[in-house]
Amino acid sequence: MTNNETMMFKLGKDKENKARDILVAVYAALKEKGYNPINQIIGYILSGDPTYITNHNNARSTIRKLERDELLEELVKFYLEKNS
């Protein structure tokens, strides 16, 4: 494969559901603690720093069950499916 070829990345259906469930749970935990969930999740995805995510309801350990690229894929997929 040369650098000019497009690589395929595909998440299995189980991982899609898991990513969605994790994002929803983490969002709820952040909201319960009074944080802006969107800003905190973006901070985590961009930096990889788990301290952006609260420990409340085990959210920090829950979000670390998936790679950040898997979480990002779920977000992009959801956005594009709803807006195209």
PDB file of N, CA and C in Angstrom:
ATOM      1  N   MET A   1       0.847  -1.179   0.000  1.00  0.00           N
ATOM      2  CA  MET A   1       0.000   0.000   0.000  1.00  0.00           C
ATOM      3  C   MET A   1       0.892   1.242   0.000  1.00  0.00           C
ATOM      4  N   THR A   2       0.552   2.194  -0.836  1.00  0.00           N
ATOM      5  CA  THR A   2       1.297   3.448  -0.868  1.00  0.00           C
ATOM      6  C   THR A   2       0.582   4.480  -0.014  1.00  0.00           C
ATOM      7  N   ASN A   3       1.234   5.604   0.224  1.00  0.00           N
ATOM      8  CA  ASN A   3       0.647   6.671   1.030  1.00  0.00           C
ATOM      9  C   ASN A   3      -0.510   7.363   0.340  1.00  0.00           C
ATOM     10  N   ASN A   4      -0.744   7.092  -0.931  1.00  0.00           N
ATOM     11  CA  ASN A   4      -1.820   7.734  -1.676  1.00  0.00           C
ATOM     12  C   ASN A   4      -3.137   6.983  -1.576  1.00  0.00           C
ATOM     13  N   GLU A   5      -3.127   5.814  -0.976  1.00  0.00           N
ATOM     14  CA  GLU A   5      -4.343   5.021  -0.863  1.00  0.00           C
ATOM     15  C   GLU A   5      -5.095   5.379   0.408  1.00  0.00           C
ATOM     16  N   THR A   6      -6.406   5.324   0.337  1.00  0.00           N
ATOM     17  CA  THR A   6      -7.247   5.594   1.494  1.00  0.00           C
ATOM     18  C   THR A   6      -7.374   4.336   2.335  1.00  0.00           C
ATOM     19  N   MET A   7      -7.157   4.484   3.635  1.00  0.00           N
ATOM     20  CA  MET A   7      -7.298   3.350   4.541  1.00  0.00           C
ATOM     21  C   MET A   7      -8.739   3.268   5.018  1.00  0.00           C
ATOM     22  N   MET A   8      -9.224   2.080   5.256  1.00  0.00           N
ATOM     23  CA  MET A   8     -10.581   1.864   5.755  1.00  0.00           C
ATOM     24  C   MET A   8     -10.531   1.618   7.256  1.00  0.00           C
ATOM     25  N   PHE A   9     -11.432   2.253   7.959  1.00  0.00           N
ATOM     26  CA  PHE A   9     -11.564   2.047   9.400  1.00  0.00           C
ATOM     27  C   PHE A   9     -13.015   1.717   9.650  1.00  0.00           C
ATOM     28  N   LYS A  10     -13.277   0.562  10.254  1.00  0.00           N
ATOM     29  CA  LYS A  10     -14.654   0.160  10.490  1.00  0.00           C
ATOM     30  C   LYS A  10     -14.785  -0.353  11.907  1.00  0.00           C
ATOM     31  N   LEU A  11     -15.778   0.172  12.588  1.00  0.00           N
ATOM     32  CA  LEU A  11     -16.083  -0.244  13.944  1.00  0.00           C
ATOM     33  C   LEU A  11     -17.210  -1.262  13.873  1.00  0.00           C
ATOM     34  N   GLY A  12     -17.105  -2.355  14.604  1.00  0.00           N
ATOM     35  CA  GLY A  12     -18.159  -3.348  14.630  1.00  0.00           C
ATOM     36  C   GLY A  12     -19.408  -2.804  15.319  1.00  0.00           C
ATOM     37  N   LYS A  13     -20.550  -3.437  15.071  1.00  0.00           N
ATOM     38  CA  LYS A  13     -21.829  -2.984  15.643  1.00  0.00           C
ATOM     39  C   LYS A  13     -21.792  -2.990  17.164  1.00  0.00           C
ATOM     40  N   ASP A  14     -21.169  -3.987  17.762  1.00  0.00           N
ATOM     41  CA  ASP A  14     -21.076  -4.039  19.228  1.00  0.00           C
ATOM     42  C   ASP A  14     -20.289  -2.856  19.770  1.00  0.00           C
ATOM     43  N   LYS A  15     -19.199  -2.503  19.109  1.00  0.00           N
ATOM     44  CA  LYS A  15     -18.392  -1.363  19.548  1.00  0.00           C
ATOM     45  C   LYS A  15     -19.157  -0.056  19.370  1.00  0.00           C
ATOM     46  N   GLU A  16     -19.967   0.048  18.308  1.00  0.00           N
ATOM     47  CA  GLU A  16     -20.778   1.252  18.088  1.00  0.00           C
ATOM     48  C   GLU A  16     -21.739   1.447  19.253  1.00  0.00           C
ATOM     49  N   ASN A  17     -22.428   0.395  19.618  1.00  0.00           N
ATOM     50  CA  ASN A  17     -23.378   0.473  20.726  1.00  0.00           C
ATOM     51  C   ASN A  17     -22.667   0.768  22.037  1.00  0.00           C
ATOM     52  N   LYS A  18     -21.515   0.152  22.232  1.00  0.00           N
ATOM     53  CA  LYS A  18     -20.743   0.378  23.448  1.00  0.00           C
ATOM     54  C   LYS A  18     -20.286   1.831  23.530  1.00  0.00           C
ATOM     55  N   ALA A  19     -19.802   2.368  22.412  1.00  0.00           N
ATOM     56  CA  ALA A  19     -19.354   3.764  22.386  1.00  0.00           C
ATOM     57  C   ALA A  19     -20.515   4.692  22.701  1.00  0.00           C
ATOM     58  N   ARG A  20     -21.659   4.441  22.118  1.00  0.00           N
ATOM     59  CA  ARG A  20     -22.833   5.270  22.361  1.00  0.00           C
ATOM     60  C   ARG A  20     -23.230   5.210  23.834  1.00  0.00           C
ATOM     61  N   ASP A  21     -23.277   4.029  24.388  1.00  0.00           N
ATOM     62  CA  ASP A  21     -23.645   3.863  25.800  1.00  0.00           C
ATOM     63  C   ASP A  21     -22.662   4.578  26.717  1.00  0.00           C
ATOM     64  N   ILE A  22     -21.388   4.479  26.408  1.00  0.00           N
ATOM     65  CA  ILE A  22     -20.363   5.127  27.215  1.00  0.00           C
ATOM     66  C   ILE A  22     -20.505   6.642  27.151  1.00  0.00           C
ATOM     67  N   LEU A  23     -20.681   7.177  25.961  1.00  0.00           N
ATOM     68  CA  LEU A  23     -20.826   8.626  25.819  1.00  0.00           C
ATOM     69  C   LEU A  23     -22.052   9.139  26.569  1.00  0.00           C
ATOM     70  N   VAL A  24     -23.154   8.420  26.491  1.00  0.00           N
ATOM     71  CA  VAL A  24     -24.381   8.835  27.183  1.00  0.00           C
ATOM     72  C   VAL A  24     -24.180   8.797  28.698  1.00  0.00           C
ATOM     73  N   ALA A  25     -23.547   7.751  29.203  1.00  0.00           N
ATOM     74  CA  ALA A  25     -23.314   7.633  30.644  1.00  0.00           C
ATOM     75  C   ALA A  25     -22.369   8.713  31.149  1.00  0.00           C
ATOM     76  N   VAL A  26     -21.308   8.974  30.417  1.00  0.00           N
ATOM     77  CA  VAL A  26     -20.337   9.995  30.811  1.00  0.00           C
ATOM     78  C   VAL A  26     -20.981  11.383  30.745  1.00  0.00           C
ATOM     79  N   TYR A  27     -21.741  11.622  29.712  1.00  0.00           N
ATOM     80  CA  TYR A  27     -22.456  12.898  29.579  1.00  0.00           C
ATOM     81  C   TYR A  27     -23.345  13.125  30.798  1.00  0.00           C
ATOM     82  N   ALA A  28     -24.107  12.108  31.185  1.00  0.00           N
ATOM     83  CA  ALA A  28     -25.006  12.231  32.330  1.00  0.00           C
ATOM     84  C   ALA A  28     -24.242  12.502  33.622  1.00  0.00           C
ATOM     85  N   ALA A  29     -23.138  11.810  33.831  1.00  0.00           N
ATOM     86  CA  ALA A  29     -22.337  12.002  35.048  1.00  0.00           C
ATOM     87  C   ALA A  29     -21.767  13.415  35.107  1.00  0.00           C
ATOM     88  N   LEU A  30     -21.273  13.915  33.988  1.00  0.00           N
ATOM     89  CA  LEU A  30     -20.725  15.270  33.948  1.00  0.00           C
ATOM     90  C   LEU A  30     -21.811  16.305  34.212  1.00  0.00           C
ATOM     91  N   LYS A  31     -22.966  16.096  33.631  1.00  0.00           N
ATOM     92  CA  LYS A  31     -24.091  17.018  33.819  1.00  0.00           C
ATOM     93  C   LYS A  31     -24.534  17.027  35.284  1.00  0.00           C
ATOM     94  N   GLU A  32     -24.618  15.835  35.893  1.00  0.00           N
ATOM     95  CA  GLU A  32     -25.013  15.733  37.305  1.00  0.00           C
ATOM     96  C   GLU A  32     -24.058  16.509  38.215  1.00  0.00           C
ATOM     97  N   LYS A  33     -22.790  16.534  37.855  1.00  0.00           N
ATOM     98  CA  LYS A  33     -21.796  17.226  38.684  1.00  0.00           C
ATOM     99  C   LYS A  33     -21.692  18.718  38.351  1.00  0.00           C
ATOM    100  N   GLY A  34     -22.473  19.185  37.387  1.00  0.00           N
ATOM    101  CA  GLY A  34     -22.506  20.606  37.071  1.00  0.00           C
ATOM    102  C   GLY A  34     -21.496  21.065  36.038  1.00  0.00           C
ATOM    103  N   TYR A  35     -20.848  20.126  35.357  1.00  0.00           N
ATOM    104  CA  TYR A  35     -19.889  20.472  34.312  1.00  0.00           C
ATOM    105  C   TYR A  35     -20.607  20.653  32.979  1.00  0.00           C
ATOM    106  N   ASN A  36     -19.944  21.314  32.036  1.00  0.00           N
ATOM    107  CA  ASN A  36     -20.434  21.374  30.667  1.00  0.00           C
ATOM    108  C   ASN A  36     -19.934  20.095  29.981  1.00  0.00           C
ATOM    109  N   PRO A  37     -20.811  19.117  29.785  1.00  0.00           N
ATOM    110  CA  PRO A  37     -20.366  17.811  29.275  1.00  0.00           C
ATOM    111  C   PRO A  37     -19.685  17.869  27.914  1.00  0.00           C
ATOM    112  N   ILE A  38     -20.184  18.721  27.038  1.00  0.00           N
ATOM    113  CA  ILE A  38     -19.591  18.816  25.702  1.00  0.00           C
ATOM    114  C   ILE A  38     -18.144  19.285  25.791  1.00  0.00           C
ATOM    115  N   ASN A  39     -17.909  20.360  26.531  1.00  0.00           N
ATOM    116  CA  ASN A  39     -16.547  20.878  26.675  1.00  0.00           C
ATOM    117  C   ASN A  39     -15.616  19.860  27.320  1.00  0.00           C
ATOM    118  N   GLN A  40     -16.108  19.157  28.328  1.00  0.00           N
ATOM    119  CA  GLN A  40     -15.264  18.194  29.034  1.00  0.00           C
ATOM    120  C   GLN A  40     -14.924  16.994  28.147  1.00  0.00           C
ATOM    121  N   ILE A  41     -15.903  16.499  27.408  1.00  0.00           N
ATOM    122  CA  ILE A  41     -15.656  15.353  26.528  1.00  0.00           C
ATOM    123  C   ILE A  41     -14.701  15.747  25.405  1.00  0.00           C
ATOM    124  N   ILE A  42     -14.878  16.941  24.846  1.00  0.00           N
ATOM    125  CA  ILE A  42     -13.961  17.418  23.804  1.00  0.00           C
ATOM    126  C   ILE A  42     -12.548  17.537  24.368  1.00  0.00           C
ATOM    127  N   GLY A  43     -12.415  18.092  25.562  1.00  0.00           N
ATOM    128  CA  GLY A  43     -11.106  18.199  26.186  1.00  0.00           C
ATOM    129  C   GLY A  43     -10.439  16.850  26.338  1.00  0.00           C
ATOM    130  N   TYR A  44     -11.214  15.852  26.748  1.00  0.00           N
ATOM    131  CA  TYR A  44     -10.674  14.503  26.896  1.00  0.00           C
ATOM    132  C   TYR A  44     -10.243  13.920  25.548  1.00  0.00           C
ATOM    133  N   ILE A  45     -11.109  14.034  24.544  1.00  0.00           N
ATOM    134  CA  ILE A  45     -10.788  13.457  23.240  1.00  0.00           C
ATOM    135  C   ILE A  45      -9.555  14.115  22.635  1.00  0.00           C
ATOM    136  N   LEU A  46      -9.459  15.426  22.735  1.00  0.00           N
ATOM    137  CA  LEU A  46      -8.318  16.123  22.140  1.00  0.00           C
ATOM    138  C   LEU A  46      -7.014  15.885  22.874  1.00  0.00           C
ATOM    139  N   SER A  47      -7.071  15.854  24.203  1.00  0.00           N
ATOM    140  CA  SER A  47      -5.827  15.777  24.980  1.00  0.00           C
ATOM    141  C   SER A  47      -5.470  14.378  25.455  1.00  0.00           C
ATOM    142  N   GLY A  48      -6.487  13.542  25.649  1.00  0.00           N
ATOM    143  CA  GLY A  48      -6.249  12.226  26.241  1.00  0.00           C
ATOM    144  C   GLY A  48      -6.128  12.277  27.750  1.00  0.00           C
ATOM    145  N   ASP A  49      -6.303  13.459  28.320  1.00  0.00           N
ATOM    146  CA  ASP A  49      -6.179  13.643  29.767  1.00  0.00           C
ATOM    147  C   ASP A  49      -7.481  13.232  30.445  1.00  0.00           C
ATOM    148  N   PRO A  50      -7.469  12.143  31.206  1.00  0.00           N
ATOM    149  CA  PRO A  50      -8.702  11.647  31.826  1.00  0.00           C
ATOM    150  C   PRO A  50      -9.271  12.559  32.910  1.00  0.00           C
ATOM    151  N   THR A  51      -8.491  13.541  33.369  1.00  0.00           N
ATOM    152  CA  THR A  51      -9.012  14.424  34.416  1.00  0.00           C
ATOM    153  C   THR A  51     -10.088  15.367  33.893  1.00  0.00           C
ATOM    154  N   TYR A  52     -10.306  15.412  32.591  1.00  0.00           N
ATOM    155  CA  TYR A  52     -11.439  16.161  32.045  1.00  0.00           C
ATOM    156  C   TYR A  52     -12.761  15.488  32.408  1.00  0.00           C
ATOM    157  N   ILE A  53     -12.692  14.225  32.769  1.00  0.00           N
ATOM    158  CA  ILE A  53     -13.897  13.443  33.067  1.00  0.00           C
ATOM    159  C   ILE A  53     -13.973  13.186  34.569  1.00  0.00           C
ATOM    160  N   THR A  54     -15.138  13.421  35.138  1.00  0.00           N
ATOM    161  CA  THR A  54     -15.348  13.221  36.565  1.00  0.00           C
ATOM    162  C   THR A  54     -15.272  11.741  36.947  1.00  0.00           C
ATOM    163  N   ASN A  55     -14.937  11.489  38.202  1.00  0.00           N
ATOM    164  CA  ASN A  55     -14.995  10.124  38.730  1.00  0.00           C
ATOM    165  C   ASN A  55     -16.418   9.726  39.116  1.00  0.00           C
ATOM    166  N   HIS A  56     -17.311  10.705  39.194  1.00  0.00           N
ATOM    167  CA  HIS A  56     -18.704  10.463  39.585  1.00  0.00           C
ATOM    168  C   HIS A  56     -19.300   9.349  38.723  1.00  0.00           C
ATOM    169  N   ASN A  57     -19.945   8.386  39.375  1.00  0.00           N
ATOM    170  CA  ASN A  57     -20.554   7.222  38.702  1.00  0.00           C
ATOM    171  C   ASN A  57     -19.560   6.447  37.829  1.00  0.00           C
ATOM    172  N   ASN A  58     -18.306   6.454  38.222  1.00  0.00           N
ATOM    173  CA  ASN A  58     -17.236   5.742  37.495  1.00  0.00           C
ATOM    174  C   ASN A  58     -17.074   6.198  36.049  1.00  0.00           C
ATOM    175  N   ALA A  59     -17.440   7.456  35.777  1.00  0.00           N
ATOM    176  CA  ALA A  59     -17.379   7.956  34.401  1.00  0.00           C
ATOM    177  C   ALA A  59     -15.971   7.928  33.832  1.00  0.00           C
ATOM    178  N   ARG A  60     -14.990   8.268  34.645  1.00  0.00           N
ATOM    179  CA  ARG A  60     -13.606   8.318  34.145  1.00  0.00           C
ATOM    180  C   ARG A  60     -13.132   6.931  33.719  1.00  0.00           C
ATOM    181  N   SER A  61     -13.375   5.941  34.525  1.00  0.00           N
ATOM    182  CA  SER A  61     -12.938   4.591  34.146  1.00  0.00           C
ATOM    183  C   SER A  61     -13.792   4.047  32.998  1.00  0.00           C
ATOM    184  N   THR A  62     -15.039   4.456  32.928  1.00  0.00           N
ATOM    185  CA  THR A  62     -15.921   4.002  31.853  1.00  0.00           C
ATOM    186  C   THR A  62     -15.462   4.530  30.504  1.00  0.00           C
ATOM    187  N   ILE A  63     -15.134   5.816  30.429  1.00  0.00           N
ATOM    188  CA  ILE A  63     -14.742   6.393  29.135  1.00  0.00           C
ATOM    189  C   ILE A  63     -13.413   5.828  28.650  1.00  0.00           C
ATOM    190  N   ARG A  64     -12.589   5.360  29.558  1.00  0.00           N
ATOM    191  CA  ARG A  64     -11.285   4.816  29.178  1.00  0.00           C
ATOM    192  C   ARG A  64     -11.375   3.378  28.662  1.00  0.00           C
ATOM    193  N   LYS A  65     -12.571   2.808  28.633  1.00  0.00           N
ATOM    194  CA  LYS A  65     -12.763   1.459  28.091  1.00  0.00           C
ATOM    195  C   LYS A  65     -12.634   1.436  26.572  1.00  0.00           C
ATOM    196  N   LEU A  66     -12.783   2.602  25.962  1.00  0.00           N
ATOM    197  CA  LEU A  66     -12.637   2.710  24.510  1.00  0.00           C
ATOM    198  C   LEU A  66     -11.523   3.683  24.175  1.00  0.00           C
ATOM    199  N   GLU A  67     -10.947   3.486  23.022  1.00  0.00           N
ATOM    200  CA  GLU A  67      -9.940   4.418  22.523  1.00  0.00           C
ATOM    201  C   GLU A  67     -10.632   5.717  22.126  1.00  0.00           C
ATOM    202  N   ARG A  68      -9.897   6.795  22.187  1.00  0.00           N
ATOM    203  CA  ARG A  68     -10.470   8.099  21.839  1.00  0.00           C
ATOM    204  C   ARG A  68     -10.932   8.145  20.390  1.00  0.00           C
ATOM    205  N   ASP A  69     -10.239   7.452  19.475  1.00  0.00           N
ATOM    206  CA  ASP A  69     -10.668   7.456  18.078  1.00  0.00           C
ATOM    207  C   ASP A  69     -12.016   6.762  17.906  1.00  0.00           C
ATOM    208  N   GLU A  70     -12.301   5.774  18.736  1.00  0.00           N
ATOM    209  CA  GLU A  70     -13.596   5.105  18.675  1.00  0.00           C
ATOM    210  C   GLU A  70     -14.715   6.035  19.142  1.00  0.00           C
ATOM    211  N   LEU A  71     -14.436   6.806  20.177  1.00  0.00           N
ATOM    212  CA  LEU A  71     -15.415   7.780  20.646  1.00  0.00           C
ATOM    213  C   LEU A  71     -15.646   8.860  19.593  1.00  0.00           C
ATOM    214  N   LEU A  72     -14.572   9.330  19.002  1.00  0.00           N
ATOM    215  CA  LEU A  72     -14.672  10.358  17.971  1.00  0.00           C
ATOM    216  C   LEU A  72     -15.448   9.846  16.764  1.00  0.00           C
ATOM    217  N   GLU A  73     -15.209   8.615  16.384  1.00  0.00           N
ATOM    218  CA  GLU A  73     -15.938   8.038  15.257  1.00  0.00           C
ATOM    219  C   GLU A  73     -17.440   8.020  15.533  1.00  0.00           C
ATOM    220  N   GLU A  74     -17.811   7.641  16.721  1.00  0.00           N
ATOM    221  CA  GLU A  74     -19.233   7.598  17.070  1.00  0.00           C
ATOM    222  C   GLU A  74     -19.852   8.986  16.987  1.00  0.00           C
ATOM    223  N   LEU A  75     -19.144   9.993  17.463  1.00  0.00           N
ATOM    224  CA  LEU A  75     -19.659  11.361  17.416  1.00  0.00           C
ATOM    225  C   LEU A  75     -19.817  11.859  15.982  1.00  0.00           C
ATOM    226  N   VAL A  76     -18.817  11.625  15.159  1.00  0.00           N
ATOM    227  CA  VAL A  76     -18.874  12.069  13.767  1.00  0.00           C
ATOM    228  C   VAL A  76     -19.979  11.335  13.025  1.00  0.00           C
ATOM    229  N   LYS A  77     -20.073  10.043  13.239  1.00  0.00           N
ATOM    230  CA  LYS A  77     -21.103   9.243  12.579  1.00  0.00           C
ATOM    231  C   LYS A  77     -22.497   9.734  12.956  1.00  0.00           C
ATOM    232  N   PHE A  78     -22.744   9.943  14.226  1.00  0.00           N
ATOM    233  CA  PHE A  78     -24.042  10.418  14.683  1.00  0.00           C
ATOM    234  C   PHE A  78     -24.371  11.768  14.049  1.00  0.00           C
ATOM    235  N   TYR A  79     -23.418  12.681  14.068  1.00  0.00           N
ATOM    236  CA  TYR A  79     -23.640  14.017  13.511  1.00  0.00           C
ATOM    237  C   TYR A  79     -23.973  13.948  12.025  1.00  0.00           C
ATOM    238  N   LEU A  80     -23.185  13.213  11.274  1.00  0.00           N
ATOM    239  CA  LEU A  80     -23.395  13.143   9.832  1.00  0.00           C
ATOM    240  C   LEU A  80     -24.691  12.425   9.463  1.00  0.00           C
ATOM    241  N   GLU A  81     -25.056  11.395  10.207  1.00  0.00           N
ATOM    242  CA  GLU A  81     -26.315  10.694   9.927  1.00  0.00           C
ATOM    243  C   GLU A  81     -27.519  11.608  10.196  1.00  0.00           C
ATOM    244  N   LYS A  82     -27.413  12.476  11.167  1.00  0.00           N
ATOM    245  CA  LYS A  82     -28.520  13.373  11.513  1.00  0.00           C
ATOM    246  C   LYS A  82     -28.561  14.611  10.636  1.00  0.00           C
ATOM    247  N   ASN A  83     -27.468  14.943   9.978  1.00  0.00           N
ATOM    248  CA  ASN A  83     -27.375  16.200   9.248  1.00  0.00           C
ATOM    249  C   ASN A  83     -27.075  16.043   7.754  1.00  0.00           C
ATOM    250  N   SER A  84     -27.296  14.865   7.213  1.00  0.00           N
ATOM    251  CA  SER A  84     -27.039  14.719   5.772  1.00  0.00           C
ATOM    252  C   SER A  84     -28.245  14.146   5.065  1.00  0.00           C
TER     253      SER A  84
END
